C-alpha atoms as a PDB file:
ATOM      1  CA  MET A   1       0.000   0.000   0.000  1.00  0.00           C
ATOM      2  CA  VAL A   2       1.208   3.470  -0.897  1.00  0.00           C
ATOM      3  CA  ASN A   3      -0.357   6.554   0.632  1.00  0.00           C
ATOM      4  CA  LEU A   4       0.205   9.456  -1.730  1.00  0.00           C
ATOM      5  CA  GLY A   5      -1.759  11.923   0.352  1.00  0.00           C
ATOM      6  CA  ASN A   6      -2.619  14.731  -2.046  1.00  0.00           C
ATOM      7  CA  GLU A   7       0.368  14.230  -4.352  1.00  0.00           C
ATOM      8  CA  ALA A   8      -1.195  13.851  -7.787  1.00  0.00           C
ATOM      9  CA  SER A   9       2.241  14.051  -9.387  1.00  0.00           C
ATOM     10  CA  GLU A  10       3.268  10.794  -7.717  1.00  0.00           C
ATOM     11  CA  THR A  11       0.175   8.854  -8.791  1.00  0.00           C
ATOM     12  CA  ILE A  12       1.415   7.815 -12.240  1.00  0.00           C
ATOM     13  CA  THR A  13       4.870   7.039 -10.864  1.00  0.00           C
ATOM     14  CA  GLU A  14       3.366   4.628  -8.334  1.00  0.00           C
ATOM     15  CA  VAL A  15       0.981   3.074 -10.883  1.00  0.00           C
ATOM     16  CA  THR A  16       3.921   2.481 -13.214  1.00  0.00           C
ATOM     17  CA  SER A  17       5.927   1.013 -10.340  1.00  0.00           C
ATOM     18  CA  ALA A  18       3.133  -1.381  -9.373  1.00  0.00           C
ATOM     19  CA  ILE A  19       2.835  -2.542 -12.970  1.00  0.00           C
ATOM     20  CA  ALA A  20       6.611  -3.033 -13.231  1.00  0.00           C
ATOM     21  CA  HIS A  21       6.559  -5.122 -10.044  1.00  0.00           C
ATOM     22  CA  LYS A  22       3.859  -7.311 -11.618  1.00  0.00           C
ATOM     23  CA  ASP A  23       1.429  -6.570  -8.776  1.00  0.00           C
ATOM     24  CA  SER A  24      -1.806  -8.513  -9.183  1.00  0.00           C
ATOM     25  CA  GLY A  25      -3.872  -5.346  -9.207  1.00  0.00           C
ATOM     26  CA  ILE A  26      -4.048  -1.718  -8.202  1.00  0.00           C
ATOM     27  CA  VAL A  27      -6.750  -0.154  -6.038  1.00  0.00           C
ATOM     28  CA  ILE A  28      -6.663   3.583  -6.355  1.00  0.00           C
ATOM     29  CA  LEU A  29      -8.283   6.688  -5.007  1.00  0.00           C
ATOM     30  CA  VAL A  30      -6.806   9.390  -7.198  1.00  0.00           C
ATOM     31  CA  PRO A  31      -5.966  12.676  -5.474  1.00  0.00           C
ATOM     32  CA  ASP A  32      -6.802  14.563  -8.687  1.00  0.00           C
ATOM     33  CA  SER A  33      -9.273  13.300 -11.298  1.00  0.00           C
ATOM     34  CA  ALA A  34      -7.015  14.666 -14.037  1.00  0.00           C
ATOM     35  CA  VAL A  35      -4.622  11.719 -13.564  1.00  0.00           C
ATOM     36  CA  GLY A  36      -7.397   9.119 -13.684  1.00  0.00           C
ATOM     37  CA  PRO A  37      -7.404   8.610 -17.465  1.00  0.00           C
ATOM     38  CA  GLN A  38      -3.651   8.050 -17.624  1.00  0.00           C
ATOM     39  CA  ALA A  39      -3.679   5.667 -14.650  1.00  0.00           C
ATOM     40  CA  ALA A  40      -6.565   3.703 -16.190  1.00  0.00           C
ATOM     41  CA  ALA A  41      -4.875   3.566 -19.606  1.00  0.00           C
ATOM     42  CA  GLU A  42      -1.568   2.331 -18.195  1.00  0.00           C
ATOM     43  CA  ALA A  43      -3.246  -0.368 -16.110  1.00  0.00           C
ATOM     44  CA  LYS A  44      -5.379  -1.480 -19.062  1.00  0.00           C
ATOM     45  CA  GLU A  45      -2.381  -1.636 -21.400  1.00  0.00           C
ATOM     46  CA  ALA A  46      -0.509  -3.782 -18.871  1.00  0.00           C
ATOM     47  CA  GLY A  47      -3.518  -6.022 -18.206  1.00  0.00           C
ATOM     48  CA  THR A  48      -3.460  -5.037 -14.537  1.00  0.00           C
ATOM     49  CA  PRO A  49      -6.860  -4.937 -12.803  1.00  0.00           C
ATOM     50  CA  LEU A  50      -7.720  -1.449 -11.560  1.00  0.00           C
ATOM     51  CA  PRO A  51     -10.763  -1.321  -9.307  1.00  0.00           C
ATOM     52  CA  ILE A  52     -11.623   2.256  -8.386  1.00  0.00           C
ATOM     53  CA  SER A  53     -12.539   3.062  -4.796  1.00  0.00           C
ATOM     54  CA  ASP A  54     -14.707   5.894  -3.472  1.00  0.00           C
ATOM     55  CA  GLU A  55     -14.140   8.200  -6.424  1.00  0.00           C
ATOM     56  CA  GLN A  56     -15.306   8.717  -9.968  1.00  0.00           C
ATOM     57  CA  VAL A  57     -12.526   8.242 -12.472  1.00  0.00           C
ATOM     58  CA  CYS A  58     -13.287   8.798 -16.118  1.00  0.00           C
ATOM     59  CA  VAL A  59     -11.082   6.792 -18.477  1.00  0.00           C
ATOM     60  CA  SER A  60     -11.614   9.202 -21.375  1.00  0.00           C
ATOM     61  CA  GLY A  61     -11.010  12.569 -19.725  1.00  0.00           C
ATOM     62  CA  PRO A  62     -10.220  14.307 -16.448  1.00  0.00           C
ATOM     63  CA  LYS A  63     -13.780  15.339 -15.544  1.00  0.00           C
ATOM     64  CA  PRO A  64     -16.243  12.481 -14.933  1.00  0.00           C
ATOM     65  CA  ALA A  65     -19.165  14.931 -15.064  1.00  0.00           C
ATOM     66  CA  ASP A  66     -18.266  15.801 -18.677  1.00  0.00           C
ATOM     67  CA  ARG A  67     -18.457  12.247 -19.982  1.00  0.00           C
ATOM     68  CA  ALA A  68     -21.236  11.318 -22.385  1.00  0.00           C
ATOM     69  CA  LYS A  69     -24.255   9.692 -20.844  1.00  0.00           C
ATOM     70  CA  ALA A  70     -24.894   6.148 -22.016  1.00  0.00           C
END
């Protein structure tokens, strides 16, 4: 477990590190929704499960409220 606090800049670094260590999955509560799409894309590309906890993360943009309604 890594507690980033409010350090959005460290989020992608830690996601990349978890993928490199072949962790079986990443559970994330992003400190800034702007990093959500990149974190989701990197996990998907690596085939690493990425359940999202207690936060909306949009995989196509930084603002979940702006996503198209299905």
